[in-house]
Amino acid sequence: ILANLPQLIFSMLYFASNSMVTAMTLADEWARYATQRKAFHVSTPPTEAQRSSYFLSLPYRYVIPLIVLSTLLHWLISQSLFLAILERYPQYDITTCGYSPVGIENSISVGLIMFCCLIGLSRRRFKTGMLVAGSCSLAITAACNSDPNPMEDGEALEAQTYAEYLPLQWGFIQVEGEIGHCAFSSQEVVLPEDGRVYE
């Protein structure tokens, strides 16, 4: 148990860091919709301009280094602390934990590299002032509601009916009244202005 305890601890840390990186990349992708028009990722087979979801919930530029470093660190941990069986005479056999100082140093080095990369990713700023939605369904619904007062027979309603299949961008949509409306749209949008009220 003692020899495999570091593997268990690292596995729990890996799942926690993977969850953090996933949340950060999702927030970054969400914010990029304010600066560039692109299609949604969908878990169902893509239609029109839609894109399929990521196989491992992260873009490959994050997945590949994360898997390589975590595999390397698992191997280094197995070389750092391991089960050792010393066989002499049956009454003098010893089963104990062996350790390797070089393996421990290398494990700490790779672990620090992964930790520094995680800190570096968390310090990146979003490019726009788009609201961070996280996993709040209310905020996501508000951003997807492209017309606060849809017309039953208007062209705007027809244009937005199939918007989920088209490349979209988030921004200010021209509506009547003093209060502006920000949402995803397949039509032209502009970035919100400071000092103006939006819903």
N, C-alpha and C. Protein backbone atom coordinates (compact mmCIF):
# COMPACT_ATOMS: atom_id res chain seq x y z
N ILE A 1 0.84 -1.20 0.00
CA ILE A 1 0.00 0.00 0.00
C ILE A 1 0.87 1.25 0.00
N LEU A 2 1.92 1.25 0.82
CA LEU A 2 2.79 2.42 0.92
C LEU A 2 3.48 2.72 -0.40
N ALA A 3 3.89 1.66 -1.13
CA ALA A 3 4.60 1.86 -2.39
C ALA A 3 3.70 2.48 -3.46
N ASN A 4 2.40 2.18 -3.40
CA ASN A 4 1.48 2.70 -4.41
C ASN A 4 0.71 3.94 -3.97
N LEU A 5 0.91 4.37 -2.73
CA LEU A 5 0.21 5.56 -2.24
C LEU A 5 0.53 6.81 -3.06
N PRO A 6 1.79 7.07 -3.46
CA PRO A 6 2.05 8.24 -4.30
C PRO A 6 1.32 8.19 -5.65
N GLN A 7 1.14 6.99 -6.20
CA GLN A 7 0.39 6.87 -7.46
C GLN A 7 -1.06 7.30 -7.27
N LEU A 8 -1.65 6.89 -6.14
CA LEU A 8 -3.04 7.26 -5.85
C LEU A 8 -3.16 8.77 -5.65
N ILE A 9 -2.21 9.35 -4.91
CA ILE A 9 -2.24 10.80 -4.67
C ILE A 9 -2.10 11.56 -5.99
N PHE A 10 -1.15 11.13 -6.84
CA PHE A 10 -0.98 11.81 -8.13
C PHE A 10 -2.21 11.66 -9.01
N SER A 11 -2.84 10.48 -8.99
CA SER A 11 -4.05 10.28 -9.80
C SER A 11 -5.16 11.25 -9.38
N MET A 12 -5.33 11.45 -8.08
CA MET A 12 -6.34 12.40 -7.60
C MET A 12 -5.98 13.83 -8.01
N LEU A 13 -4.70 14.18 -7.90
CA LEU A 13 -4.25 15.51 -8.34
C LEU A 13 -4.43 15.69 -9.84
N TYR A 14 -4.21 14.61 -10.60
CA TYR A 14 -4.38 14.67 -12.06
C TYR A 14 -5.83 14.95 -12.42
N PHE A 15 -6.76 14.25 -11.77
CA PHE A 15 -8.18 14.48 -12.06
C PHE A 15 -8.59 15.90 -11.70
N ALA A 16 -8.08 16.41 -10.58
CA ALA A 16 -8.40 17.78 -10.18
C ALA A 16 -7.83 18.79 -11.17
N SER A 17 -6.58 18.60 -11.58
CA SER A 17 -5.97 19.54 -12.53
C SER A 17 -6.61 19.43 -13.90
N ASN A 18 -6.99 18.22 -14.31
CA ASN A 18 -7.68 18.04 -15.59
C ASN A 18 -9.01 18.77 -15.58
N SER A 19 -9.71 18.71 -14.47
CA SER A 19 -10.98 19.42 -14.33
C SER A 19 -10.77 20.93 -14.41
N MET A 20 -9.70 21.42 -13.78
CA MET A 20 -9.40 22.86 -13.82
C MET A 20 -9.05 23.31 -15.24
N VAL A 21 -8.22 22.54 -15.93
CA VAL A 21 -7.83 22.90 -17.30
C VAL A 21 -9.05 22.86 -18.21
N THR A 22 -9.92 21.88 -18.03
CA THR A 22 -11.15 21.80 -18.82
C THR A 22 -12.01 23.03 -18.61
N ALA A 23 -12.19 23.44 -17.36
CA ALA A 23 -12.99 24.64 -17.06
C ALA A 23 -12.36 25.89 -17.67
N MET A 24 -11.03 26.00 -17.59
CA MET A 24 -10.36 27.17 -18.15
C MET A 24 -10.46 27.23 -19.67
N THR A 25 -10.29 26.07 -20.33
CA THR A 25 -10.37 26.08 -21.79
C THR A 25 -11.80 26.32 -22.27
N LEU A 26 -12.79 25.82 -21.53
CA LEU A 26 -14.19 26.10 -21.89
C LEU A 26 -14.50 27.58 -21.74
N ALA A 27 -14.02 28.19 -20.66
CA ALA A 27 -14.24 29.63 -20.47
C ALA A 27 -13.54 30.44 -21.55
N ASP A 28 -12.34 30.01 -21.94
CA ASP A 28 -11.60 30.70 -23.00
C ASP A 28 -12.33 30.59 -24.34
N GLU A 29 -12.81 29.38 -24.64
CA GLU A 29 -13.55 29.20 -25.90
C GLU A 29 -14.84 30.03 -25.90
N TRP A 30 -15.52 30.07 -24.76
CA TRP A 30 -16.74 30.87 -24.62
C TRP A 30 -16.43 32.35 -24.91
N ALA A 31 -15.34 32.86 -24.33
CA ALA A 31 -14.98 34.27 -24.50
C ALA A 31 -14.57 34.59 -25.93
N ARG A 32 -14.01 33.63 -26.64
CA ARG A 32 -13.56 33.87 -28.02
C ARG A 32 -14.73 34.08 -28.99
N TYR A 33 -15.93 33.67 -28.59
CA TYR A 33 -17.09 33.91 -29.46
C TYR A 33 -17.38 35.40 -29.62
N ALA A 34 -16.86 36.24 -28.74
CA ALA A 34 -17.08 37.68 -28.87
C ALA A 34 -16.14 38.31 -29.89
N THR A 35 -15.04 37.63 -30.24
CA THR A 35 -14.07 38.21 -31.16
C THR A 35 -14.04 37.53 -32.52
N GLN A 36 -14.53 36.32 -32.61
CA GLN A 36 -14.52 35.63 -33.90
C GLN A 36 -15.77 34.77 -34.07
N ARG A 37 -16.21 34.70 -35.29
CA ARG A 37 -17.41 33.93 -35.63
C ARG A 37 -17.01 32.48 -35.87
N LYS A 38 -17.65 31.57 -35.15
CA LYS A 38 -17.38 30.15 -35.35
C LYS A 38 -18.58 29.32 -34.92
N ALA A 39 -18.59 28.07 -35.34
CA ALA A 39 -19.72 27.19 -35.05
C ALA A 39 -19.56 26.55 -33.68
N PHE A 40 -20.68 26.09 -33.15
CA PHE A 40 -20.69 25.42 -31.85
C PHE A 40 -20.10 24.02 -31.96
N HIS A 41 -19.55 23.53 -30.84
CA HIS A 41 -19.19 22.12 -30.71
C HIS A 41 -20.44 21.39 -30.24
N VAL A 42 -20.77 20.27 -30.86
CA VAL A 42 -21.96 19.50 -30.48
C VAL A 42 -21.57 18.05 -30.22
N SER A 43 -22.30 17.41 -29.31
CA SER A 43 -22.03 16.01 -29.00
C SER A 43 -22.73 15.07 -29.97
N THR A 44 -23.74 15.57 -30.68
CA THR A 44 -24.42 14.77 -31.70
C THR A 44 -23.65 14.91 -33.02
N PRO A 45 -23.95 14.09 -34.02
CA PRO A 45 -23.26 14.25 -35.30
C PRO A 45 -23.44 15.67 -35.84
N PRO A 46 -22.33 16.34 -36.24
CA PRO A 46 -22.41 17.74 -36.69
C PRO A 46 -23.26 17.90 -37.94
N THR A 47 -23.99 19.02 -38.00
CA THR A 47 -24.81 19.37 -39.15
C THR A 47 -24.36 20.74 -39.64
N GLU A 48 -24.34 20.93 -40.96
CA GLU A 48 -23.93 22.21 -41.55
C GLU A 48 -22.54 22.60 -41.05
N ALA A 49 -22.42 23.76 -40.40
CA ALA A 49 -21.11 24.27 -39.96
C ALA A 49 -20.73 23.82 -38.56
N GLN A 50 -21.58 23.05 -37.90
CA GLN A 50 -21.29 22.61 -36.53
C GLN A 50 -20.00 21.79 -36.48
N ARG A 51 -19.37 21.78 -35.31
CA ARG A 51 -18.15 21.02 -35.11
C ARG A 51 -18.40 19.94 -34.06
N SER A 52 -17.72 18.81 -34.22
CA SER A 52 -17.88 17.74 -33.23
C SER A 52 -17.17 18.13 -31.94
N SER A 53 -17.62 17.56 -30.83
CA SER A 53 -17.00 17.87 -29.54
C SER A 53 -15.64 17.20 -29.46
N TYR A 54 -14.83 17.65 -28.51
CA TYR A 54 -13.50 17.08 -28.34
C TYR A 54 -13.61 15.67 -27.79
N PHE A 55 -12.74 14.79 -28.27
CA PHE A 55 -12.77 13.39 -27.86
C PHE A 55 -12.48 13.25 -26.37
N LEU A 56 -11.55 14.03 -25.85
CA LEU A 56 -11.17 13.94 -24.44
C LEU A 56 -11.53 15.21 -23.67
N SER A 57 -12.52 15.94 -24.10
CA SER A 57 -13.05 17.15 -23.47
C SER A 57 -12.09 18.33 -23.48
N LEU A 58 -10.91 18.18 -24.07
CA LEU A 58 -9.93 19.25 -24.16
C LEU A 58 -9.38 19.33 -25.58
N PRO A 59 -8.95 20.51 -26.01
CA PRO A 59 -8.25 20.60 -27.31
C PRO A 59 -6.96 19.78 -27.27
N TYR A 60 -6.55 19.27 -28.43
CA TYR A 60 -5.39 18.39 -28.48
C TYR A 60 -4.10 19.08 -28.05
N ARG A 61 -4.01 20.41 -28.21
CA ARG A 61 -2.80 21.12 -27.79
C ARG A 61 -2.62 21.08 -26.27
N TYR A 62 -3.69 20.77 -25.54
CA TYR A 62 -3.59 20.58 -24.09
C TYR A 62 -3.57 19.11 -23.72
N VAL A 63 -4.32 18.29 -24.44
CA VAL A 63 -4.43 16.87 -24.10
C VAL A 63 -3.10 16.14 -24.25
N ILE A 64 -2.43 16.35 -25.39
CA ILE A 64 -1.21 15.58 -25.67
C ILE A 64 -0.11 15.87 -24.64
N PRO A 65 0.23 17.15 -24.35
CA PRO A 65 1.25 17.37 -23.31
C PRO A 65 0.81 16.85 -21.93
N LEU A 66 -0.48 16.98 -21.62
CA LEU A 66 -0.97 16.53 -20.32
C LEU A 66 -0.84 15.02 -20.18
N ILE A 67 -1.18 14.28 -21.22
CA ILE A 67 -1.07 12.82 -21.17
C ILE A 67 0.39 12.39 -21.12
N VAL A 68 1.24 13.04 -21.94
CA VAL A 68 2.66 12.68 -21.96
C VAL A 68 3.30 12.93 -20.60
N LEU A 69 3.07 14.12 -20.03
CA LEU A 69 3.67 14.45 -18.74
C LEU A 69 3.12 13.58 -17.61
N SER A 70 1.82 13.30 -17.63
CA SER A 70 1.25 12.46 -16.56
C SER A 70 1.74 11.02 -16.66
N THR A 71 1.89 10.50 -17.89
CA THR A 71 2.43 9.15 -18.06
C THR A 71 3.88 9.09 -17.58
N LEU A 72 4.65 10.12 -17.96
CA LEU A 72 6.04 10.19 -17.51
C LEU A 72 6.13 10.27 -15.99
N LEU A 73 5.27 11.07 -15.39
CA LEU A 73 5.31 11.22 -13.93
C LEU A 73 4.87 9.94 -13.22
N HIS A 74 3.87 9.24 -13.77
CA HIS A 74 3.48 7.94 -13.18
C HIS A 74 4.66 6.97 -13.21
N TRP A 75 5.37 6.95 -14.34
CA TRP A 75 6.52 6.04 -14.45
C TRP A 75 7.63 6.44 -13.48
N LEU A 76 7.90 7.75 -13.38
CA LEU A 76 8.93 8.23 -12.46
C LEU A 76 8.58 7.92 -11.00
N ILE A 77 7.30 8.06 -10.66
CA ILE A 77 6.87 7.73 -9.30
C ILE A 77 7.08 6.25 -9.02
N SER A 78 6.80 5.41 -10.03
CA SER A 78 7.00 3.96 -9.84
C SER A 78 8.48 3.62 -9.67
N GLN A 79 9.36 4.47 -10.22
CA GLN A 79 10.80 4.26 -10.04
C GLN A 79 11.33 4.90 -8.75
N SER A 80 10.52 5.76 -8.14
CA SER A 80 10.95 6.47 -6.93
C SER A 80 10.71 5.65 -5.67
N LEU A 81 9.55 5.06 -5.58
CA LEU A 81 9.17 4.28 -4.40
C LEU A 81 8.56 2.98 -4.90
N PHE A 82 9.15 1.87 -4.51
CA PHE A 82 8.74 0.59 -5.08
C PHE A 82 8.85 -0.52 -4.05
N LEU A 83 8.20 -1.62 -4.35
CA LEU A 83 8.24 -2.80 -3.47
C LEU A 83 9.53 -3.56 -3.72
N ALA A 84 10.25 -3.86 -2.66
CA ALA A 84 11.51 -4.61 -2.78
C ALA A 84 11.43 -5.87 -1.94
N ILE A 85 11.76 -7.00 -2.55
CA ILE A 85 11.76 -8.29 -1.85
C ILE A 85 13.20 -8.82 -1.85
N LEU A 86 13.76 -8.97 -0.68
CA LEU A 86 15.12 -9.51 -0.53
C LEU A 86 15.01 -10.97 -0.11
N GLU A 87 15.46 -11.86 -0.99
CA GLU A 87 15.37 -13.30 -0.73
C GLU A 87 16.74 -13.85 -0.36
N ARG A 88 16.83 -14.39 0.84
CA ARG A 88 18.05 -15.10 1.26
C ARG A 88 17.61 -16.49 1.69
N TYR A 89 17.67 -16.74 2.94
CA TYR A 89 17.08 -17.96 3.48
C TYR A 89 15.64 -17.65 3.83
N PRO A 90 14.75 -18.65 3.77
CA PRO A 90 13.32 -18.36 4.00
C PRO A 90 13.04 -17.60 5.28
N GLN A 91 13.75 -17.91 6.35
CA GLN A 91 13.46 -17.21 7.60
C GLN A 91 14.03 -15.79 7.63
N TYR A 92 14.89 -15.45 6.65
CA TYR A 92 15.49 -14.12 6.62
C TYR A 92 15.00 -13.28 5.44
N ASP A 93 14.00 -13.73 4.71
CA ASP A 93 13.46 -12.94 3.59
C ASP A 93 12.86 -11.64 4.12
N ILE A 94 13.05 -10.58 3.35
CA ILE A 94 12.54 -9.26 3.76
C ILE A 94 11.71 -8.67 2.61
N THR A 95 10.53 -8.18 2.95
CA THR A 95 9.71 -7.43 2.00
C THR A 95 9.58 -6.01 2.54
N THR A 96 10.05 -5.05 1.77
CA THR A 96 10.07 -3.66 2.23
C THR A 96 9.87 -2.70 1.05
N CYS A 97 9.87 -1.42 1.35
CA CYS A 97 9.78 -0.40 0.30
C CYS A 97 11.18 0.10 -0.02
N GLY A 98 11.51 0.09 -1.30
CA GLY A 98 12.77 0.67 -1.74
C GLY A 98 12.51 2.05 -2.32
N TYR A 99 13.54 2.85 -2.38
CA TYR A 99 13.38 4.19 -2.95
C TYR A 99 14.62 4.57 -3.74
N SER A 100 14.44 5.48 -4.67
CA SER A 100 15.52 5.96 -5.51
C SER A 100 15.57 7.48 -5.43
N PRO A 101 16.66 8.05 -4.89
CA PRO A 101 16.76 9.51 -4.81
C PRO A 101 16.68 10.19 -6.18
N VAL A 102 17.27 9.56 -7.20
CA VAL A 102 17.22 10.15 -8.55
C VAL A 102 15.78 10.15 -9.06
N GLY A 103 15.07 9.06 -8.84
CA GLY A 103 13.66 8.99 -9.25
C GLY A 103 12.81 10.02 -8.53
N ILE A 104 13.07 10.22 -7.24
CA ILE A 104 12.32 11.20 -6.46
C ILE A 104 12.59 12.61 -6.98
N GLU A 105 13.87 12.92 -7.25
CA GLU A 105 14.22 14.25 -7.79
C GLU A 105 13.55 14.50 -9.14
N ASN A 106 13.59 13.49 -10.01
CA ASN A 106 12.96 13.64 -11.33
C ASN A 106 11.45 13.77 -11.22
N SER A 107 10.84 13.03 -10.30
CA SER A 107 9.39 13.13 -10.10
C SER A 107 9.01 14.52 -9.62
N ILE A 108 9.77 15.05 -8.67
CA ILE A 108 9.49 16.40 -8.17
C ILE A 108 9.67 17.43 -9.29
N SER A 109 10.70 17.26 -10.13
CA SER A 109 10.95 18.20 -11.23
C SER A 109 9.79 18.21 -12.22
N VAL A 110 9.35 17.03 -12.65
CA VAL A 110 8.24 16.96 -13.61
C VAL A 110 6.95 17.47 -12.97
N GLY A 111 6.73 17.13 -11.69
CA GLY A 111 5.55 17.64 -10.99
C GLY A 111 5.54 19.15 -10.91
N LEU A 112 6.71 19.76 -10.65
CA LEU A 112 6.80 21.22 -10.61
C LEU A 112 6.55 21.84 -11.98
N ILE A 113 7.04 21.19 -13.03
CA ILE A 113 6.78 21.69 -14.40
C ILE A 113 5.28 21.69 -14.68
N MET A 114 4.60 20.60 -14.32
CA MET A 114 3.15 20.53 -14.54
C MET A 114 2.42 21.59 -13.72
N PHE A 115 2.85 21.78 -12.47
CA PHE A 115 2.22 22.78 -11.61
C PHE A 115 2.43 24.19 -12.16
N CYS A 116 3.64 24.49 -12.63
CA CYS A 116 3.93 25.82 -13.21
C CYS A 116 3.11 26.05 -14.48
N CYS A 117 2.93 25.01 -15.30
CA CYS A 117 2.10 25.14 -16.50
C CYS A 117 0.65 25.44 -16.12
N LEU A 118 0.16 24.78 -15.07
CA LEU A 118 -1.21 25.02 -14.60
C LEU A 118 -1.36 26.46 -14.10
N ILE A 119 -0.38 26.94 -13.35
CA ILE A 119 -0.42 28.33 -12.87
C ILE A 119 -0.36 29.29 -14.06
N GLY A 120 0.51 28.99 -15.04
CA GLY A 120 0.61 29.85 -16.23
C GLY A 120 -0.70 29.93 -16.99
N LEU A 121 -1.38 28.78 -17.15
CA LEU A 121 -2.68 28.78 -17.84
C LEU A 121 -3.71 29.59 -17.07
N SER A 122 -3.68 29.49 -15.75
CA SER A 122 -4.69 30.18 -14.95
C SER A 122 -4.46 31.69 -14.92
N ARG A 123 -3.27 32.16 -15.28
CA ARG A 123 -2.98 33.59 -15.26
C ARG A 123 -3.30 34.27 -16.59
N ARG A 124 -3.67 33.50 -17.60
CA ARG A 124 -4.03 34.10 -18.89
C ARG A 124 -5.35 34.85 -18.77
N ARG A 125 -5.43 35.97 -19.47
CA ARG A 125 -6.64 36.78 -19.44
C ARG A 125 -7.45 36.54 -20.71
N PHE A 126 -8.76 36.72 -20.58
CA PHE A 126 -9.63 36.62 -21.74
C PHE A 126 -9.44 37.84 -22.63
N LYS A 127 -9.70 37.68 -23.92
CA LYS A 127 -9.48 38.76 -24.87
C LYS A 127 -10.57 39.82 -24.84
N THR A 128 -11.74 39.48 -24.35
CA THR A 128 -12.86 40.42 -24.38
C THR A 128 -13.50 40.54 -23.02
N GLY A 129 -14.50 41.39 -22.96
CA GLY A 129 -15.26 41.57 -21.73
C GLY A 129 -16.53 40.75 -21.71
N MET A 130 -16.58 39.67 -22.49
CA MET A 130 -17.77 38.83 -22.49
C MET A 130 -17.95 38.21 -21.11
N LEU A 131 -19.18 38.16 -20.66
CA LEU A 131 -19.47 37.62 -19.34
C LEU A 131 -19.07 36.16 -19.24
N VAL A 132 -18.47 35.80 -18.11
CA VAL A 132 -18.10 34.41 -17.88
C VAL A 132 -19.34 33.67 -17.41
N ALA A 133 -19.71 32.62 -18.13
CA ALA A 133 -20.93 31.89 -17.81
C ALA A 133 -20.65 30.64 -16.99
N GLY A 134 -19.46 30.06 -17.16
CA GLY A 134 -19.16 28.81 -16.47
C GLY A 134 -20.15 27.74 -16.89
N SER A 135 -20.80 27.12 -15.92
CA SER A 135 -21.82 26.12 -16.23
C SER A 135 -23.20 26.60 -15.79
N CYS A 136 -23.36 27.92 -15.65
CA CYS A 136 -24.64 28.50 -15.24
C CYS A 136 -25.62 28.45 -16.41
N SER A 137 -26.63 27.62 -16.31
CA SER A 137 -27.57 27.45 -17.41
C SER A 137 -28.36 28.73 -17.68
N LEU A 138 -28.60 29.54 -16.66
CA LEU A 138 -29.32 30.80 -16.85
C LEU A 138 -28.52 31.76 -17.72
N ALA A 139 -27.21 31.87 -17.47
CA ALA A 139 -26.36 32.76 -18.27
C ALA A 139 -26.23 32.24 -19.70
N ILE A 140 -26.12 30.93 -19.86
CA ILE A 140 -26.01 30.34 -21.20
C ILE A 140 -27.30 30.55 -21.97
N THR A 141 -28.44 30.36 -21.31
CA THR A 141 -29.74 30.58 -21.96
C THR A 141 -29.90 32.02 -22.39
N ALA A 142 -29.49 32.96 -21.53
CA ALA A 142 -29.60 34.38 -21.88
C ALA A 142 -28.73 34.72 -23.08
N ALA A 143 -27.54 34.12 -23.16
CA ALA A 143 -26.65 34.39 -24.29
C ALA A 143 -27.16 33.76 -25.58
N CYS A 144 -27.95 32.70 -25.47
CA CYS A 144 -28.48 32.04 -26.66
C CYS A 144 -29.81 32.62 -27.12
N ASN A 145 -30.45 33.44 -26.29
CA ASN A 145 -31.73 34.05 -26.64
C ASN A 145 -31.45 35.27 -27.51
N SER A 146 -31.44 35.07 -28.82
CA SER A 146 -30.98 36.12 -29.73
C SER A 146 -31.96 37.27 -29.89
N ASP A 147 -33.23 37.05 -29.65
CA ASP A 147 -34.20 38.13 -29.81
C ASP A 147 -35.11 38.16 -28.59
N PRO A 148 -35.02 39.20 -27.76
CA PRO A 148 -35.86 39.24 -26.56
C PRO A 148 -37.34 39.36 -26.86
N ASN A 149 -37.71 39.89 -28.04
CA ASN A 149 -39.11 40.04 -28.43
C ASN A 149 -39.30 39.48 -29.84
N PRO A 150 -39.27 38.18 -30.01
CA PRO A 150 -39.36 37.62 -31.36
C PRO A 150 -40.71 37.90 -32.01
N MET A 151 -40.67 38.15 -33.33
CA MET A 151 -41.89 38.37 -34.10
C MET A 151 -42.28 37.04 -34.74
N GLU A 152 -43.54 36.74 -34.70
CA GLU A 152 -44.00 35.45 -35.21
C GLU A 152 -43.77 35.32 -36.72
N ASP A 153 -43.93 36.41 -37.46
CA ASP A 153 -43.81 36.29 -38.91
C ASP A 153 -42.69 37.17 -39.46
N GLY A 154 -41.75 37.61 -38.62
CA GLY A 154 -40.68 38.50 -39.07
C GLY A 154 -39.52 37.75 -39.68
N GLU A 155 -38.72 38.47 -40.45
CA GLU A 155 -37.54 37.87 -41.06
C GLU A 155 -36.49 37.52 -40.02
N ALA A 156 -36.42 38.31 -38.94
CA ALA A 156 -35.42 38.06 -37.91
C ALA A 156 -35.61 36.69 -37.28
N LEU A 157 -36.87 36.32 -37.05
CA LEU A 157 -37.16 35.02 -36.45
C LEU A 157 -36.75 33.90 -37.39
N GLU A 158 -37.04 34.06 -38.67
CA GLU A 158 -36.70 33.03 -39.64
C GLU A 158 -35.18 32.88 -39.77
N ALA A 159 -34.46 34.01 -39.71
CA ALA A 159 -33.01 33.97 -39.84
C ALA A 159 -32.36 33.27 -38.65
N GLN A 160 -32.98 33.39 -37.47
CA GLN A 160 -32.40 32.81 -36.27
C GLN A 160 -32.90 31.39 -36.00
N THR A 161 -33.89 30.91 -36.75
CA THR A 161 -34.45 29.59 -36.51
C THR A 161 -33.40 28.50 -36.66
N TYR A 162 -32.51 28.64 -37.64
CA TYR A 162 -31.48 27.64 -37.89
C TYR A 162 -30.09 28.16 -37.54
N ALA A 163 -30.02 29.14 -36.65
CA ALA A 163 -28.74 29.76 -36.30
C ALA A 163 -27.77 28.77 -35.67
N GLU A 164 -28.28 27.76 -34.95
CA GLU A 164 -27.38 26.82 -34.27
C GLU A 164 -26.55 25.99 -35.24
N TYR A 165 -26.96 25.97 -36.52
CA TYR A 165 -26.21 25.22 -37.52
C TYR A 165 -25.15 26.07 -38.22
N LEU A 166 -25.15 27.37 -37.95
CA LEU A 166 -24.27 28.31 -38.65
C LEU A 166 -23.16 28.81 -37.73
N PRO A 167 -22.11 29.40 -38.31
CA PRO A 167 -21.10 30.05 -37.46
C PRO A 167 -21.74 31.23 -36.72
N LEU A 168 -21.47 31.33 -35.43
CA LEU A 168 -22.10 32.35 -34.58
C LEU A 168 -21.06 33.26 -33.95
N GLN A 169 -21.53 34.43 -33.55
CA GLN A 169 -20.69 35.35 -32.78
C GLN A 169 -21.56 36.01 -31.72
N TRP A 170 -20.95 36.29 -30.56
CA TRP A 170 -21.66 36.93 -29.47
C TRP A 170 -21.41 38.43 -29.52
N GLY A 171 -22.45 39.20 -29.28
CA GLY A 171 -22.28 40.65 -29.23
C GLY A 171 -23.62 41.35 -29.13
N PHE A 172 -23.57 42.66 -29.36
CA PHE A 172 -24.77 43.49 -29.28
C PHE A 172 -25.59 43.32 -30.55
N ILE A 173 -26.87 42.99 -30.36
CA ILE A 173 -27.81 42.84 -31.47
C ILE A 173 -28.70 44.08 -31.49
N GLN A 174 -28.89 44.65 -32.66
CA GLN A 174 -29.71 45.85 -32.78
C GLN A 174 -31.17 45.51 -32.46
N VAL A 175 -31.69 46.15 -31.42
CA VAL A 175 -33.10 46.00 -31.04
C VAL A 175 -33.65 47.38 -30.73
N GLU A 176 -34.97 47.48 -30.75
CA GLU A 176 -35.61 48.75 -30.43
C GLU A 176 -35.58 48.99 -28.93
N GLY A 177 -35.50 50.26 -28.53
CA GLY A 177 -35.51 50.61 -27.11
C GLY A 177 -34.15 51.04 -26.62
N GLU A 178 -34.12 51.54 -25.39
CA GLU A 178 -32.89 52.05 -24.81
C GLU A 178 -31.99 50.94 -24.28
N ILE A 179 -32.59 49.84 -23.86
CA ILE A 179 -31.80 48.73 -23.30
C ILE A 179 -31.36 47.82 -24.45
N GLY A 180 -30.05 47.64 -24.56
CA GLY A 180 -29.51 46.79 -25.62
C GLY A 180 -29.62 45.32 -25.26
N HIS A 181 -29.37 44.47 -26.23
CA HIS A 181 -29.45 43.03 -26.00
C HIS A 181 -28.20 42.37 -26.58
N CYS A 182 -27.52 41.56 -25.77
CA CYS A 182 -26.33 40.83 -26.20
C CYS A 182 -26.66 39.34 -26.25
N ALA A 183 -26.28 38.71 -27.35
CA ALA A 183 -26.57 37.29 -27.52
C ALA A 183 -25.75 36.74 -28.67
N PHE A 184 -25.82 35.42 -28.85
CA PHE A 184 -25.22 34.78 -30.02
C PHE A 184 -26.11 35.04 -31.22
N SER A 185 -25.49 35.26 -32.37
CA SER A 185 -26.27 35.49 -33.58
C SER A 185 -25.45 35.08 -34.80
N SER A 186 -26.15 34.62 -35.82
CA SER A 186 -25.50 34.33 -37.10
C SER A 186 -25.43 35.59 -37.95
N GLN A 187 -26.11 36.64 -37.50
CA GLN A 187 -26.10 37.92 -38.21
C GLN A 187 -24.99 38.81 -37.66
N GLU A 188 -24.92 40.04 -38.15
CA GLU A 188 -23.87 40.96 -37.73
C GLU A 188 -24.10 41.42 -36.29
N VAL A 189 -23.04 41.39 -35.48
CA VAL A 189 -23.09 41.87 -34.11
C VAL A 189 -21.89 42.79 -33.87
N VAL A 190 -21.99 43.63 -32.84
CA VAL A 190 -20.87 44.49 -32.47
C VAL A 190 -20.57 44.29 -30.99
N LEU A 191 -19.35 44.62 -30.58
CA LEU A 191 -18.99 44.49 -29.17
C LEU A 191 -19.76 45.50 -28.34
N PRO A 192 -20.19 45.13 -27.14
CA PRO A 192 -20.91 46.07 -26.27
C PRO A 192 -20.05 47.28 -25.92
N GLU A 193 -20.71 48.40 -25.67
CA GLU A 193 -20.02 49.64 -25.32
C GLU A 193 -20.05 49.84 -23.82
N ASP A 194 -18.98 50.45 -23.29
CA ASP A 194 -18.94 50.78 -21.86
C ASP A 194 -19.99 51.82 -21.54
N GLY A 195 -20.66 51.64 -20.41
CA GLY A 195 -21.63 52.63 -19.94
C GLY A 195 -23.04 52.43 -20.45
N ARG A 196 -23.24 51.50 -21.37
CA ARG A 196 -24.59 51.25 -21.88
C ARG A 196 -25.20 50.06 -21.15
N VAL A 197 -26.53 50.09 -21.00
CA VAL A 197 -27.24 49.02 -20.30
C VAL A 197 -27.65 47.95 -21.30
N TYR A 198 -27.37 46.69 -20.95
CA TYR A 198 -27.73 45.56 -21.80
C TYR A 198 -28.50 44.54 -20.98
N GLU A 199 -29.26 43.71 -21.69
CA GLU A 199 -29.94 42.60 -21.03
C GLU A 199 -29.57 41.31 -21.72
